[in-house]
Amino acid sequence: MRLTLAEIAEAVKGEISLTSNPEALNGVSTDSRTLEPGQLFVPLVAQHDGHDFISAAVEAGAVACLSARNLEDASPVPIIVVPDTATALTDLARVARSRLEARVVGITGSVGKTTTKDFCSATIGAALRCWVSEKSFNNEIGLPLTILNAPDNCEVLVTEMGASAPGDIANLCETARPHYGILTSIAIAHTESFGTIDQIARTKAELLEALPADGVAVVNRDDELVMAQAERVLSSHQTSNSLLTFGLHTEADVRAEDVSVDGQLHAQYLLRSPWGSERVSLGVAGQHNVGNSLAAATVALHLGVSVEAVVEGLSEAKISPWRMSLDTSPSGVLVLNDSYNANPTSMEAALQALTQLSARQHYAVLGTMAELGDYHDPEHLRIANFAKELGVKVISVAEPAYGLEALPDITSALQSLSDLGEGSAVLIKGSRVAGLEHLADRLLEL
């Protein structure tokens, strides 16, 4: 979105410390390493102080900066001084959102948010000018950046909404003001901060509560917790006059029938909907992605995208890195890289997908499932037993809670797999902190 310096200063209630006024700024960045020329740089104070990188941002092409410091004598570009840059980023995004005529889609859930977002990009983008959040930009920083970097002619804006505490989704909705609300799932995740599954459920349902009177709730018919929240919200708050369901359930509005999976874990199914029926062949691995694809298809179809275009989009969709990426090493080992993140629900789905691969031996190299709080030990042990029942040999990296001898690092795990060859399949999965994507890369070199 293009904004003038004066418009930005007014939106953030800031003071311009230099008088030069560049042409309209084209987008916003909080990272000097990825900033594009013509953007506004917003230095955030977190693990590092972004103010220390203003000079680097200017060198990269920033034409103005926000700052919580007065840098008039130190910066060659206009500086807008504000009390707090993170608050200013949100304020600026809310003004930008008010200028957008696009329909906004909000996506939340314990699993499947990013992949559903990627499917939305492919299906909605088949017929409409669609802008989606980058990577997993789903928090109080990522969501404003998604809005601020959307083009002015955007017709549909797809936002991902994560939460680590009650109220997080509601706050994001105040900025994004979604018209569509997709709720993919409710499961054990981030229980270290939430405490209970009920609190997770109510927090995810904040998206449905935020929808306007003419909004559309798009929810997973196969998830009982999701349906319970949808019914609670729609009956007590009456925030939406439209409910659409998706899933394998026979009563789902948009559903998948006759599901099968090929040797590359790509699912095929018959898509049934009020807008027509067509056969779908997903270009993404994992049978559990059927539900994510149906969620995206539901919104796209409701927006007027044809069934044929939706089906084509689903077949050509590209998902974000380290999610169900299946490759073969030079020695013939099948490597299923699902290392971006992990919780018990996604772990079960990945293990089941692993066993669908034609292989003599199935291994799972598992890192920790982080932020589970009191659920940490019992859920890790449950997953280890689940893998054993499936016939999968688990190799734990730095996580003793699986009840196995934990290898200390990635190098040790690689050594334990060094004798594998053709006929073996390996799943790599753990929470972000485990960093197991590096192991997947090294396995593919063997």
Protein backbone atom coordinates (compact mmCIF):
# COMPACT_ATOMS: atom_id res chain seq x y z
CA MET A 1 0.00 0.00 0.00
CA ARG A 2 1.29 3.44 -0.92
CA LEU A 3 1.19 6.03 1.87
CA THR A 4 2.62 9.52 2.04
CA LEU A 5 4.84 10.64 4.87
CA ALA A 6 2.14 13.00 6.11
CA GLU A 7 -0.47 10.20 6.10
CA ILE A 8 1.86 7.95 8.08
CA ALA A 9 2.65 10.67 10.63
CA GLU A 10 -1.06 11.36 11.11
CA ALA A 11 -1.89 7.67 11.47
CA VAL A 12 0.73 7.06 14.17
CA LYS A 13 0.35 10.49 15.78
CA GLY A 14 4.06 11.02 15.29
CA GLU A 15 6.27 14.03 14.66
CA ILE A 16 8.33 14.26 11.48
CA SER A 17 11.85 15.24 12.53
CA LEU A 18 13.08 16.16 9.02
CA THR A 19 11.29 18.39 6.58
CA SER A 20 12.11 16.59 3.32
CA ASN A 21 9.09 14.73 2.06
CA PRO A 22 9.64 11.72 -0.22
CA GLU A 23 7.06 10.48 -2.66
CA ALA A 24 4.53 7.96 -1.38
CA LEU A 25 6.20 5.11 0.42
CA ASN A 26 5.56 1.66 -0.98
CA GLY A 27 5.15 -0.79 1.88
CA VAL A 28 6.69 -1.38 5.29
CA SER A 29 9.50 -3.54 6.64
CA THR A 30 10.79 -4.35 10.11
CA ASP A 31 13.90 -6.15 8.85
CA SER A 32 16.77 -4.22 7.25
CA ARG A 33 17.99 -7.45 5.61
CA THR A 34 14.84 -7.97 3.54
CA LEU A 35 13.72 -4.37 3.15
CA GLU A 36 12.92 -3.30 -0.40
CA PRO A 37 13.76 0.15 -1.80
CA GLY A 38 10.98 2.67 -1.24
CA GLN A 39 9.69 1.16 1.98
CA LEU A 40 9.20 2.58 5.46
CA PHE A 41 11.45 0.97 8.07
CA VAL A 42 9.94 0.28 11.49
CA PRO A 43 12.61 -0.61 14.07
CA LEU A 44 11.24 -2.92 16.73
CA VAL A 45 12.72 -3.55 20.14
CA ALA A 46 12.81 -7.25 20.96
CA GLN A 47 15.79 -9.58 21.22
CA HIS A 48 17.67 -6.90 19.30
CA ASP A 49 16.97 -3.17 19.15
CA GLY A 50 15.91 -2.35 15.61
CA HIS A 51 17.07 1.23 16.04
CA ASP A 52 20.62 -0.08 15.74
CA PHE A 53 19.83 -1.09 12.15
CA ILE A 54 18.37 2.16 10.84
CA SER A 55 21.56 2.97 8.95
CA ALA A 56 21.48 -0.48 7.32
CA ALA A 57 17.84 0.04 6.40
CA VAL A 58 18.63 3.38 4.77
CA GLU A 59 21.46 1.76 2.82
CA ALA A 60 19.00 -0.91 1.65
CA GLY A 61 16.66 1.77 0.29
CA ALA A 62 14.37 2.84 3.13
CA VAL A 63 13.06 6.33 2.39
CA ALA A 64 11.74 7.01 5.89
CA CYS A 65 11.78 5.42 9.33
CA LEU A 66 9.75 5.33 12.48
CA SER A 67 11.71 5.75 15.66
CA ALA A 68 11.21 5.91 19.39
CA ARG A 69 14.37 8.01 19.50
CA ASN A 70 15.02 11.47 18.08
CA LEU A 71 17.59 10.83 15.36
CA GLU A 72 17.33 14.13 13.48
CA ASP A 73 21.08 14.67 13.39
CA ALA A 74 21.93 11.08 12.53
CA SER A 75 19.60 10.13 9.68
CA PRO A 76 19.63 11.28 6.04
CA VAL A 77 15.95 10.29 5.61
CA PRO A 78 12.82 11.57 7.34
CA ILE A 79 12.21 10.14 10.80
CA ILE A 80 8.77 9.97 12.37
CA VAL A 81 9.20 9.98 16.13
CA VAL A 82 6.68 7.93 18.10
CA PRO A 83 6.51 6.75 21.73
CA ASP A 84 6.51 3.07 20.76
CA THR A 85 7.24 1.64 17.30
CA ALA A 86 5.28 -1.61 17.76
CA THR A 87 2.15 0.30 18.76
CA ALA A 88 2.68 2.66 15.84
CA LEU A 89 2.93 -0.29 13.45
CA THR A 90 -0.49 -1.51 14.57
CA ASP A 91 -2.00 1.99 14.38
CA LEU A 92 -0.67 2.41 10.86
CA ALA A 93 -2.06 -0.99 9.80
CA ARG A 94 -5.50 -0.08 11.10
CA VAL A 95 -5.54 3.07 9.02
CA ALA A 96 -4.33 1.13 5.99
CA ARG A 97 -7.05 -1.47 6.55
CA SER A 98 -9.72 1.25 6.52
CA ARG A 99 -8.54 2.27 3.05
CA LEU A 100 -8.65 -1.24 1.62
CA GLU A 101 -11.81 -2.24 -0.21
CA ALA A 102 -10.71 -5.88 -0.18
CA ARG A 103 -12.61 -8.67 1.51
CA VAL A 104 -10.45 -9.93 4.37
CA VAL A 105 -10.11 -13.61 5.26
CA GLY A 106 -8.91 -14.51 8.75
CA ILE A 107 -7.54 -17.99 9.42
CA THR A 108 -6.89 -19.50 12.82
CA GLY A 109 -6.67 -22.95 14.39
CA SER A 110 -4.29 -25.18 16.31
CA VAL A 111 -2.96 -26.76 13.11
CA GLY A 112 -3.21 -26.05 9.40
CA LYS A 113 -3.26 -22.24 9.38
CA THR A 114 -0.35 -21.63 7.03
CA THR A 115 -1.18 -24.45 4.64
CA THR A 116 -4.79 -23.27 4.46
CA LYS A 117 -3.49 -19.79 3.72
CA ASP A 118 -1.37 -21.21 0.89
CA PHE A 119 -4.39 -23.04 -0.52
CA CYS A 120 -6.39 -19.80 -0.30
CA SER A 121 -3.73 -18.05 -2.34
CA ALA A 122 -3.97 -20.72 -5.04
CA THR A 123 -7.77 -20.96 -5.19
CA ILE A 124 -8.89 -17.37 -4.63
CA GLY A 125 -5.95 -16.11 -6.66
CA ALA A 126 -7.13 -18.14 -9.62
CA ALA A 127 -9.80 -15.53 -10.32
CA LEU A 128 -9.29 -12.55 -7.99
CA ARG A 129 -6.41 -10.25 -7.03
CA CYS A 130 -5.39 -11.93 -3.81
CA TRP A 131 -2.72 -10.94 -1.28
CA VAL A 132 -1.69 -13.35 1.48
CA SER A 133 0.56 -13.17 4.51
CA GLU A 134 4.18 -14.21 4.06
CA LYS A 135 5.48 -17.41 5.65
CA SER A 136 3.74 -17.64 9.04
CA PHE A 137 3.23 -13.90 9.63
CA ASN A 138 0.42 -14.42 12.12
CA ASN A 139 1.10 -12.25 15.18
CA GLU A 140 0.93 -8.60 16.25
CA ILE A 141 3.88 -7.83 13.96
CA GLY A 142 3.26 -10.12 11.01
CA LEU A 143 -0.41 -9.30 10.54
CA PRO A 144 0.09 -5.51 10.32
CA LEU A 145 2.90 -6.07 7.83
CA THR A 146 0.58 -8.21 5.72
CA ILE A 147 -1.98 -5.42 5.58
CA LEU A 148 0.53 -2.65 4.97
CA ASN A 149 2.23 -4.47 2.12
CA ALA A 150 -0.98 -5.38 0.32
CA PRO A 151 -1.35 -3.65 -3.07
CA ASP A 152 -3.98 -0.92 -3.32
CA ASN A 153 -5.95 -2.90 -5.94
CA CYS A 154 -6.13 -6.04 -3.80
CA GLU A 155 -9.57 -7.67 -3.95
CA VAL A 156 -9.07 -10.32 -1.25
CA LEU A 157 -6.61 -10.15 1.64
CA VAL A 158 -5.84 -13.43 3.43
CA THR A 159 -4.46 -13.13 6.96
CA GLU A 160 -3.19 -15.80 9.33
CA MET A 161 -3.91 -15.37 13.04
CA GLY A 162 -1.96 -17.14 15.76
CA ALA A 163 -2.35 -16.90 19.52
CA SER A 164 -0.30 -17.64 22.59
CA ALA A 165 -2.73 -16.19 25.13
CA PRO A 166 -6.43 -15.33 25.47
CA GLY A 167 -7.34 -12.12 23.67
CA ASP A 168 -4.62 -12.42 21.01
CA ILE A 169 -7.03 -13.31 18.19
CA ALA A 170 -9.47 -10.57 19.24
CA ASN A 171 -6.67 -7.99 19.09
CA LEU A 172 -5.62 -9.14 15.63
CA CYS A 173 -9.22 -8.97 14.45
CA GLU A 174 -9.47 -5.35 15.59
CA THR A 175 -6.72 -4.60 13.10
CA ALA A 176 -7.72 -6.91 10.24
CA ARG A 177 -11.52 -6.68 10.55
CA PRO A 178 -12.13 -9.95 8.69
CA HIS A 179 -15.27 -10.74 6.74
CA TYR A 180 -14.51 -14.47 6.48
CA GLY A 181 -13.32 -16.45 9.49
CA ILE A 182 -11.79 -19.90 8.92
CA LEU A 183 -11.40 -22.10 12.00
CA THR A 184 -9.34 -25.15 11.01
CA SER A 185 -9.01 -27.08 14.27
CA ILE A 186 -8.81 -26.96 18.05
CA ALA A 187 -6.20 -29.14 19.73
CA ILE A 188 -3.49 -29.21 22.38
CA ALA A 189 -0.96 -26.51 21.47
CA HIS A 190 0.60 -23.64 23.46
CA THR A 191 -0.96 -25.09 26.60
CA GLU A 192 1.99 -23.76 28.54
CA SER A 193 0.37 -20.34 28.26
CA PHE A 194 -3.28 -21.32 27.74
CA GLY A 195 -3.51 -23.94 30.45
CA THR A 196 -6.58 -25.84 29.22
CA ILE A 197 -8.04 -27.01 25.93
CA ASP A 198 -11.22 -25.07 26.78
CA GLN A 199 -9.24 -21.84 26.96
CA ILE A 200 -7.63 -22.66 23.60
CA ALA A 201 -11.07 -23.25 22.11
CA ARG A 202 -12.49 -19.96 23.36
CA THR A 203 -9.45 -18.04 22.15
CA LYS A 204 -9.66 -19.51 18.65
CA ALA A 205 -13.38 -18.70 18.62
CA GLU A 206 -12.53 -15.01 19.08
CA LEU A 207 -12.22 -14.93 15.29
CA LEU A 208 -15.84 -15.99 14.89
CA GLU A 209 -16.96 -13.49 17.54
CA ALA A 210 -15.27 -10.67 15.62
CA LEU A 211 -17.10 -11.26 12.34
CA PRO A 212 -19.57 -8.57 11.23
CA ALA A 213 -23.28 -9.21 10.89
CA ASP A 214 -22.85 -10.17 7.24
CA GLY A 215 -19.67 -12.15 7.87
CA VAL A 216 -19.12 -15.79 6.99
CA ALA A 217 -17.86 -18.37 9.48
CA VAL A 218 -16.07 -21.24 7.72
CA VAL A 219 -15.50 -24.11 10.15
CA ASN A 220 -14.30 -27.71 10.27
CA ARG A 221 -17.32 -30.04 10.47
CA ASP A 222 -15.06 -32.95 11.45
CA ASP A 223 -13.80 -31.26 14.64
CA GLU A 224 -16.29 -31.49 17.51
CA LEU A 225 -14.57 -28.74 19.49
CA VAL A 226 -14.70 -26.40 16.50
CA MET A 227 -18.39 -27.10 15.95
CA ALA A 228 -19.17 -26.55 19.62
CA GLN A 229 -17.51 -23.13 19.52
CA ALA A 230 -19.24 -22.20 16.27
CA GLU A 231 -22.62 -23.10 17.70
CA ARG A 232 -21.90 -21.25 20.96
CA VAL A 233 -20.79 -18.09 19.19
CA LEU A 234 -23.51 -18.01 16.56
CA SER A 235 -26.27 -18.69 19.06
CA SER A 236 -25.17 -16.31 21.81
CA HIS A 237 -23.46 -13.49 19.93
CA GLN A 238 -25.27 -13.64 16.60
CA THR A 239 -22.18 -12.14 14.99
CA SER A 240 -22.59 -13.89 11.67
CA ASN A 241 -25.61 -14.69 9.56
CA SER A 242 -23.76 -17.32 7.54
CA LEU A 243 -22.11 -20.58 8.58
CA LEU A 244 -20.35 -22.82 6.08
CA THR A 245 -18.79 -26.13 7.07
CA PHE A 246 -16.13 -28.22 5.40
CA GLY A 247 -14.72 -31.70 5.97
CA LEU A 248 -15.29 -35.40 5.36
CA HIS A 249 -18.54 -35.39 7.32
CA THR A 250 -21.55 -36.24 5.20
CA GLU A 251 -23.33 -33.10 6.44
CA ALA A 252 -20.46 -30.73 5.60
CA ASP A 253 -21.43 -28.04 3.08
CA VAL A 254 -18.17 -28.53 1.19
CA ARG A 255 -16.90 -32.06 1.58
CA ALA A 256 -14.50 -34.63 0.23
CA GLU A 257 -15.69 -38.06 -0.89
CA ASP A 258 -13.82 -41.10 -2.18
CA VAL A 259 -10.45 -40.00 -0.78
CA SER A 260 -7.30 -41.86 -1.85
CA VAL A 261 -3.56 -41.22 -1.61
CA ASP A 262 -0.89 -41.98 -4.22
CA GLY A 263 2.70 -43.08 -3.72
CA GLN A 264 3.86 -39.49 -3.23
CA LEU A 265 1.24 -38.92 -0.52
CA HIS A 266 -0.85 -36.71 -2.79
CA ALA A 267 -4.55 -37.01 -2.01
CA GLN A 268 -7.30 -37.29 -4.60
CA TYR A 269 -10.97 -36.86 -3.82
CA LEU A 270 -14.34 -35.84 -5.17
CA LEU A 271 -15.19 -32.29 -4.13
CA ARG A 272 -18.89 -31.86 -3.33
CA SER A 273 -20.30 -28.36 -2.84
CA PRO A 274 -23.41 -26.22 -3.39
CA TRP A 275 -21.52 -24.68 -6.32
CA GLY A 276 -20.82 -27.95 -8.09
CA SER A 277 -18.69 -31.07 -7.89
CA GLU A 278 -15.32 -31.94 -9.44
CA ARG A 279 -12.49 -34.37 -8.82
CA VAL A 280 -9.44 -32.91 -7.06
CA SER A 281 -5.82 -34.02 -7.20
CA LEU A 282 -3.77 -32.18 -4.61
CA GLY A 283 -0.21 -31.26 -5.48
CA VAL A 284 0.67 -31.22 -1.77
CA ALA A 285 1.61 -34.27 0.31
CA GLY A 286 -0.43 -35.49 3.26
CA GLN A 287 -3.98 -36.81 3.51
CA HIS A 288 -4.59 -34.43 6.42
CA ASN A 289 -4.26 -31.57 3.93
CA VAL A 290 -7.61 -32.56 2.44
CA GLY A 291 -9.31 -30.58 5.20
CA ASN A 292 -7.07 -27.55 4.68
CA SER A 293 -7.79 -27.60 0.95
CA LEU A 294 -11.54 -27.82 1.60
CA ALA A 295 -11.40 -24.77 3.89
CA ALA A 296 -9.77 -22.71 1.16
CA ALA A 297 -12.13 -24.07 -1.49
CA THR A 298 -15.13 -23.07 0.61
CA VAL A 299 -14.09 -19.42 0.78
CA ALA A 300 -13.07 -19.30 -2.88
CA LEU A 301 -16.37 -20.79 -4.03
CA HIS A 302 -18.37 -18.41 -1.84
CA LEU A 303 -16.42 -15.52 -3.37
CA GLY A 304 -17.55 -16.63 -6.83
CA VAL A 305 -14.51 -18.51 -8.07
CA SER A 306 -15.65 -21.34 -10.36
CA VAL A 307 -15.34 -24.95 -9.27
CA GLU A 308 -13.04 -25.62 -12.22
CA ALA A 309 -10.70 -22.79 -11.23
CA VAL A 310 -10.70 -23.92 -7.59
CA VAL A 311 -9.79 -27.47 -8.57
CA GLU A 312 -6.97 -26.24 -10.79
CA GLY A 313 -5.69 -24.00 -8.01
CA LEU A 314 -5.64 -26.88 -5.52
CA SER A 315 -3.64 -29.02 -7.91
CA GLU A 316 -1.05 -26.30 -8.44
CA ALA A 317 -0.81 -24.94 -4.88
CA LYS A 318 2.66 -24.45 -3.43
CA ILE A 319 2.92 -24.55 0.34
CA SER A 320 5.41 -22.91 2.66
CA PRO A 321 8.79 -24.61 3.33
CA TRP A 322 9.35 -27.57 5.68
CA ARG A 323 5.76 -28.73 5.54
CA MET A 324 5.25 -32.27 4.26
CA SER A 325 8.06 -31.91 1.73
CA LEU A 326 8.88 -35.34 0.27
CA ASP A 327 12.21 -35.95 -1.47
CA THR A 328 14.53 -38.85 -2.20
CA SER A 329 18.22 -38.86 -1.27
CA PRO A 330 20.90 -40.04 -3.74
CA SER A 331 21.05 -43.34 -1.82
CA GLY A 332 17.29 -43.85 -2.24
CA VAL A 333 16.04 -42.82 1.21
CA LEU A 334 12.63 -41.16 1.25
CA VAL A 335 12.83 -38.03 3.42
CA LEU A 336 9.58 -36.49 4.63
CA ASN A 337 10.44 -33.04 5.98
CA ASP A 338 7.67 -31.69 8.19
CA SER A 339 10.03 -29.86 10.50
CA TYR A 340 8.49 -26.41 10.61
CA ASN A 341 6.59 -27.02 13.83
CA ALA A 342 4.91 -29.71 15.90
CA ASN A 343 2.13 -30.39 18.35
CA PRO A 344 0.45 -33.73 19.17
CA THR A 345 -2.20 -33.42 16.45
CA SER A 346 0.22 -32.56 13.65
CA MET A 347 2.64 -35.21 14.91
CA GLU A 348 -0.02 -37.92 14.62
CA ALA A 349 -0.92 -36.81 11.10
CA ALA A 350 2.72 -36.81 9.98
CA LEU A 351 3.38 -40.27 11.44
CA GLN A 352 0.33 -41.67 9.69
CA ALA A 353 1.50 -40.11 6.43
CA LEU A 354 4.93 -41.68 6.90
CA THR A 355 3.43 -45.16 7.11
CA GLN A 356 1.62 -44.59 3.82
CA LEU A 357 4.97 -44.45 2.06
CA SER A 358 6.02 -47.69 0.42
CA ALA A 359 9.15 -48.63 2.38
CA ARG A 360 10.71 -51.58 4.20
CA GLN A 361 11.60 -49.44 7.20
CA HIS A 362 9.93 -46.35 8.62
CA TYR A 363 11.87 -44.02 10.92
CA ALA A 364 10.82 -40.82 12.65
CA VAL A 365 13.43 -38.38 13.92
CA LEU A 366 11.49 -36.32 16.43
CA GLY A 367 12.41 -33.17 18.30
CA THR A 368 10.50 -31.62 21.13
CA MET A 369 6.90 -30.49 20.94
CA ALA A 370 7.32 -27.17 22.69
CA GLU A 371 5.02 -25.07 24.88
CA LEU A 372 2.80 -27.92 26.09
CA GLY A 373 3.08 -27.11 29.79
CA ASP A 374 1.58 -29.85 31.96
CA TYR A 375 0.83 -31.87 28.82
CA HIS A 376 4.52 -32.07 27.87
CA ASP A 377 5.53 -35.42 29.34
CA PRO A 378 2.31 -37.41 28.81
CA GLU A 379 1.86 -36.20 25.22
CA HIS A 380 5.44 -36.99 24.21
CA LEU A 381 5.10 -40.47 25.66
CA ARG A 382 1.74 -40.93 23.95
CA ILE A 383 3.23 -39.98 20.59
CA ALA A 384 6.11 -42.43 21.10
CA ASN A 385 3.61 -45.22 21.80
CA PHE A 386 1.49 -44.16 18.82
CA ALA A 387 4.55 -44.43 16.57
CA LYS A 388 5.37 -47.86 17.99
CA GLU A 389 1.84 -49.08 17.22
CA LEU A 390 2.32 -47.90 13.64
CA GLY A 391 5.58 -49.81 13.36
CA VAL A 392 7.70 -46.66 13.23
CA LYS A 393 11.12 -46.57 14.89
CA VAL A 394 11.51 -43.26 16.75
CA ILE A 395 14.84 -41.47 17.11
CA SER A 396 14.59 -38.69 19.67
CA VAL A 397 16.79 -35.61 19.41
CA ALA A 398 17.34 -33.81 22.72
CA GLU A 399 13.91 -34.78 24.10
CA PRO A 400 13.89 -37.49 26.80
CA ALA A 401 10.11 -37.23 27.32
CA TYR A 402 9.55 -39.71 24.45
CA GLY A 403 10.73 -42.35 26.91
CA LEU A 404 13.72 -43.23 24.74
CA GLU A 405 17.41 -42.53 24.99
CA ALA A 406 17.64 -39.06 23.45
CA LEU A 407 20.47 -38.30 21.07
CA PRO A 408 22.17 -35.01 21.96
CA ASP A 409 22.13 -33.28 18.57
CA ILE A 410 21.53 -33.42 14.82
CA THR A 411 24.99 -34.80 14.10
CA SER A 412 24.33 -37.81 16.34
CA ALA A 413 20.97 -38.37 14.67
CA LEU A 414 22.58 -38.26 11.24
CA GLN A 415 25.16 -40.83 12.31
CA SER A 416 22.43 -43.15 13.56
CA LEU A 417 20.84 -43.03 10.09
CA SER A 418 24.05 -43.33 8.08
CA ASP A 419 23.43 -46.96 7.06
CA LEU A 420 20.01 -46.33 5.58
CA GLY A 421 19.48 -46.87 1.88
CA GLU A 422 16.81 -47.60 -0.68
CA GLY A 423 13.70 -48.97 0.94
CA SER A 424 13.83 -46.66 3.98
CA ALA A 425 11.59 -43.70 4.77
CA VAL A 426 12.37 -41.05 7.39
CA LEU A 427 10.09 -38.41 8.90
CA ILE A 428 11.76 -35.29 10.31
CA LYS A 429 9.53 -33.35 12.71
CA GLY A 430 9.74 -31.14 15.78
CA SER A 431 8.90 -27.69 17.03
CA ARG A 432 10.71 -24.66 15.65
CA VAL A 433 13.20 -24.63 18.52
CA ALA A 434 14.47 -28.06 17.49
CA GLY A 435 15.81 -26.78 14.16
CA LEU A 436 15.49 -30.20 12.52
CA GLU A 437 15.23 -28.79 9.00
CA HIS A 438 19.04 -28.86 8.98
CA LEU A 439 18.96 -32.62 9.50
CA ALA A 440 16.58 -33.03 6.57
CA ASP A 441 18.95 -31.10 4.33
CA ARG A 442 21.89 -33.27 5.36
CA LEU A 443 19.95 -36.49 4.90
CA LEU A 444 19.19 -35.51 1.33
CA GLU A 445 22.93 -35.34 0.66
CA LEU A 446 23.54 -38.99 1.61
